[in-house]
Amino acid sequence: MANYGKMDPPPDEQDHVDSFLDRIHLAYPDLDLEVEGIVDRIGGINRRINRALDETLAEFGLDMGDYKVLNSLTQIGPPHRSTPGRLAKRMELSSGAMTSRLDGLEEADLIRRLPDPDDRRSVVVELTDHGRETIQKAIGVQAQKESLFAAALQPQEKEQLNGLLRKLMLEFERREH
C-alpha cells in the first residue's frame, strides 16, 4: 500500500502508480515519492492523451505532422496562409521535409500552393475549405475525448489543477531561460 502521502487513498482509489511507488520505494528509499508520483502520473496522462490524439487523427487520415501544419495554418487566421519556410521554421523541419509534407497535404486537398503575391519566385500555402473542415472536425472530436478524461474532476478541481500545473510550467520556463 502506498505510504508516501499523509494518508493513503482507499484501495479502490489507488492507481497503478501507487503500486509502482511501493515497489521503487523498496529499491530507492531516498527518493521523494510525492515527486515521483507527480512525474509518473503526468507522463502517463500525457501518453494516454497522445494515444487518443493519434487515434483521432487516424480517423481523419492525418498524422501528427499533418495536424501541426493544418493547425498552424488555422491559428494564423484568415486567409490561413503562410510560406513553406515559415511553416518549416515553426515546426523545426528542413525545407525538404516540409516540401514532402506539403505534397501529401496538397494531394489530399487539405492545402493548396499559390503564387506569393509579394514575391513571384515563391509560393504561399493556404488551407482549402476541405482542410479547414477536416482540422476543425478532428479538433472537435479530440476535445470531446479530452472532456471525457477531465470529467473525473469537478469545475473547482479543474481550476485548481490548472493553477498547480501552471506553477510547474512556469518553473520549467524560468529554468529554460
Protein backbone atom coordinates (compact mmCIF):
# COMPACT_ATOMS: atom_id res chain seq x y z
CA MET A 1 0.00 0.00 0.00
CA ALA A 2 1.29 3.48 -0.85
CA ASN A 3 2.87 5.23 2.09
CA TYR A 4 4.32 8.41 0.67
CA GLY A 5 1.50 10.86 1.36
CA LYS A 6 -0.06 11.98 4.59
CA MET A 7 -2.84 9.45 4.12
CA ASP A 8 -3.14 6.55 1.74
CA PRO A 9 -6.13 6.63 -0.58
CA PRO A 10 -8.56 3.75 -0.05
CA PRO A 11 -7.65 0.68 -2.15
CA ASP A 12 -10.42 1.35 -4.69
CA GLU A 13 -8.95 4.83 -5.31
CA GLN A 14 -5.37 3.71 -5.89
CA ASP A 15 -3.98 3.66 -9.41
CA HIS A 16 -1.11 1.67 -10.91
CA VAL A 17 1.30 4.45 -9.92
CA ASP A 18 0.67 3.71 -6.24
CA SER A 19 1.85 0.12 -6.75
CA PHE A 20 4.84 1.34 -8.76
CA LEU A 21 5.80 3.75 -5.97
CA ASP A 22 5.57 0.99 -3.38
CA ARG A 23 8.00 -1.09 -5.45
CA ILE A 24 10.51 1.66 -6.19
CA HIS A 25 10.46 2.81 -2.57
CA LEU A 26 11.98 -0.53 -1.62
CA ALA A 27 14.76 -0.13 -4.21
CA TYR A 28 15.29 3.64 -3.74
CA PRO A 29 14.27 4.58 -0.21
CA ASP A 30 15.70 8.13 -0.52
CA LEU A 31 13.51 9.15 -3.47
CA ASP A 32 10.81 11.72 -2.87
CA LEU A 33 7.81 9.58 -3.76
CA GLU A 34 5.48 12.58 -3.96
CA VAL A 35 7.64 13.99 -6.76
CA GLU A 36 7.89 10.57 -8.43
CA GLY A 37 4.12 10.21 -8.25
CA ILE A 38 3.57 13.61 -9.85
CA VAL A 39 6.03 12.94 -12.66
CA ASP A 40 4.79 9.41 -13.37
CA ARG A 41 1.13 10.46 -13.39
CA ILE A 42 1.75 13.45 -15.68
CA GLY A 43 3.73 11.19 -18.02
CA GLY A 44 1.01 8.53 -18.01
CA ILE A 45 -1.73 11.05 -18.66
CA ASN A 46 0.33 12.59 -21.46
CA ARG A 47 0.84 9.19 -23.12
CA ARG A 48 -2.88 8.45 -22.96
CA ILE A 49 -3.85 11.85 -24.38
CA ASN A 50 -1.31 11.43 -27.19
CA ARG A 51 -2.63 7.94 -27.95
CA ALA A 52 -6.19 9.31 -28.12
CA LEU A 53 -5.00 12.13 -30.40
CA ASP A 54 -3.22 9.66 -32.68
CA GLU A 55 -6.45 7.63 -32.89
CA THR A 56 -8.48 10.77 -33.64
CA LEU A 57 -6.08 11.90 -36.34
CA ALA A 58 -6.10 8.44 -37.93
CA GLU A 59 -9.91 8.65 -38.16
CA PHE A 60 -9.40 11.71 -40.39
CA GLY A 61 -6.49 10.27 -42.38
CA LEU A 62 -3.97 12.53 -40.64
CA ASP A 63 -0.81 12.08 -38.64
CA MET A 64 0.79 14.39 -36.08
CA GLY A 65 2.84 16.26 -38.68
CA ASP A 66 -0.25 16.90 -40.82
CA TYR A 67 -2.09 18.08 -37.73
CA LYS A 68 0.67 20.55 -36.88
CA VAL A 69 0.68 22.06 -40.38
CA LEU A 70 -3.10 22.35 -40.57
CA ASN A 71 -3.34 23.66 -37.02
CA SER A 72 -0.58 26.22 -37.68
CA LEU A 73 -2.40 27.50 -40.75
CA THR A 74 -5.66 27.65 -38.79
CA GLN A 75 -4.07 29.62 -35.95
CA ILE A 76 -2.69 32.20 -38.39
CA GLY A 77 -6.27 33.24 -39.07
CA PRO A 78 -7.91 34.19 -42.35
CA PRO A 79 -6.89 33.74 -45.08
CA HIS A 80 -4.97 30.86 -43.40
CA ARG A 81 -1.80 31.31 -45.44
CA SER A 82 1.91 31.06 -44.79
CA THR A 83 5.09 30.47 -46.67
CA PRO A 84 6.57 26.97 -46.57
CA GLY A 85 9.70 28.46 -44.99
CA ARG A 86 7.81 29.99 -42.06
CA LEU A 87 5.90 26.74 -41.53
CA ALA A 88 9.13 24.74 -41.63
CA LYS A 89 10.75 27.06 -39.09
CA ARG A 90 7.72 26.94 -36.80
CA MET A 91 7.71 23.13 -36.95
CA GLU A 92 11.50 22.82 -36.83
CA LEU A 93 11.65 20.89 -40.12
CA SER A 94 14.07 21.06 -43.01
CA SER A 95 12.75 22.59 -46.21
CA GLY A 96 12.87 19.16 -47.85
CA ALA A 97 10.82 17.56 -45.07
CA MET A 98 8.31 20.42 -45.26
CA THR A 99 8.04 20.06 -49.04
CA SER A 100 7.30 16.35 -48.66
CA ARG A 101 4.67 17.01 -46.00
CA LEU A 102 3.03 19.74 -48.09
CA ASP A 103 2.99 17.44 -51.13
CA GLY A 104 0.91 14.90 -49.19
CA LEU A 105 -1.44 17.53 -47.80
CA GLU A 106 -1.92 19.05 -51.24
CA GLU A 107 -2.60 15.64 -52.77
CA ALA A 108 -5.31 15.12 -50.10
CA ASP A 109 -6.80 18.55 -51.00
CA LEU A 110 -6.15 19.85 -47.47
CA ILE A 111 -3.89 22.69 -48.62
CA ARG A 112 -3.05 24.41 -51.89
CA ARG A 113 0.03 26.23 -53.04
CA LEU A 114 -0.48 29.66 -54.59
CA PRO A 115 1.94 32.19 -56.07
CA ASP A 116 3.20 34.55 -53.37
CA PRO A 117 1.71 37.98 -54.16
CA ASP A 118 4.75 39.64 -52.56
CA ASP A 119 7.43 37.53 -54.31
CA ARG A 120 6.84 35.96 -57.73
CA ARG A 121 9.66 33.46 -57.09
CA SER A 122 7.90 31.99 -54.08
CA VAL A 123 4.63 30.33 -53.08
CA VAL A 124 2.29 30.53 -50.13
CA VAL A 125 0.45 27.62 -48.59
CA GLU A 126 -3.25 28.02 -47.91
CA LEU A 127 -5.81 25.82 -46.19
CA THR A 128 -8.53 24.60 -48.51
CA ASP A 129 -12.13 24.52 -47.33
CA HIS A 130 -11.74 20.76 -47.03
CA GLY A 131 -8.58 21.24 -44.94
CA ARG A 132 -10.27 23.72 -42.63
CA GLU A 133 -13.30 21.43 -42.17
CA THR A 134 -11.10 18.40 -41.56
CA ILE A 135 -8.96 20.03 -38.89
CA GLN A 136 -11.97 21.58 -37.18
CA LYS A 137 -13.77 18.22 -37.05
CA ALA A 138 -10.65 16.44 -35.78
CA ILE A 139 -10.11 19.03 -33.06
CA GLY A 140 -13.79 18.80 -32.10
CA VAL A 141 -13.61 15.01 -31.75
CA GLN A 142 -10.40 15.26 -29.71
CA ALA A 143 -11.87 17.98 -27.49
CA GLN A 144 -14.81 15.66 -26.71
CA LYS A 145 -12.40 12.89 -25.73
CA GLU A 146 -10.42 15.26 -23.52
CA SER A 147 -13.65 16.44 -21.87
CA LEU A 148 -14.43 12.83 -21.00
CA PHE A 149 -10.99 12.45 -19.41
CA ALA A 150 -11.43 15.62 -17.38
CA ALA A 151 -15.00 14.69 -16.33
CA ALA A 152 -13.48 12.94 -13.29
CA LEU A 153 -12.88 16.43 -11.84
CA GLN A 154 -15.32 18.98 -10.51
CA PRO A 155 -15.09 22.51 -12.00
CA GLN A 156 -13.24 23.79 -8.92
CA GLU A 157 -10.79 20.87 -9.12
CA LYS A 158 -10.09 21.61 -12.79
CA GLU A 159 -9.32 25.21 -11.89
CA GLN A 160 -7.11 24.12 -9.01
CA LEU A 161 -5.27 21.57 -11.15
CA ASN A 162 -4.70 24.16 -13.88
CA GLY A 163 -3.23 26.52 -11.30
CA LEU A 164 -0.88 23.86 -9.94
CA LEU A 165 0.23 22.74 -13.40
CA ARG A 166 0.78 26.39 -14.37
CA LYS A 167 3.15 26.74 -11.40
CA LEU A 168 5.11 23.72 -12.60
CA MET A 169 5.18 25.03 -16.18
CA LEU A 170 6.37 28.46 -15.06
CA GLU A 171 9.20 26.83 -13.13
CA PHE A 172 10.28 24.88 -16.22
CA GLU A 173 10.09 28.03 -18.34
CA ARG A 174 12.06 30.02 -15.77
CA ARG A 175 14.84 27.41 -15.69
CA GLU A 176 14.98 27.19 -19.51
CA HIS A 177 16.00 30.84 -19.81
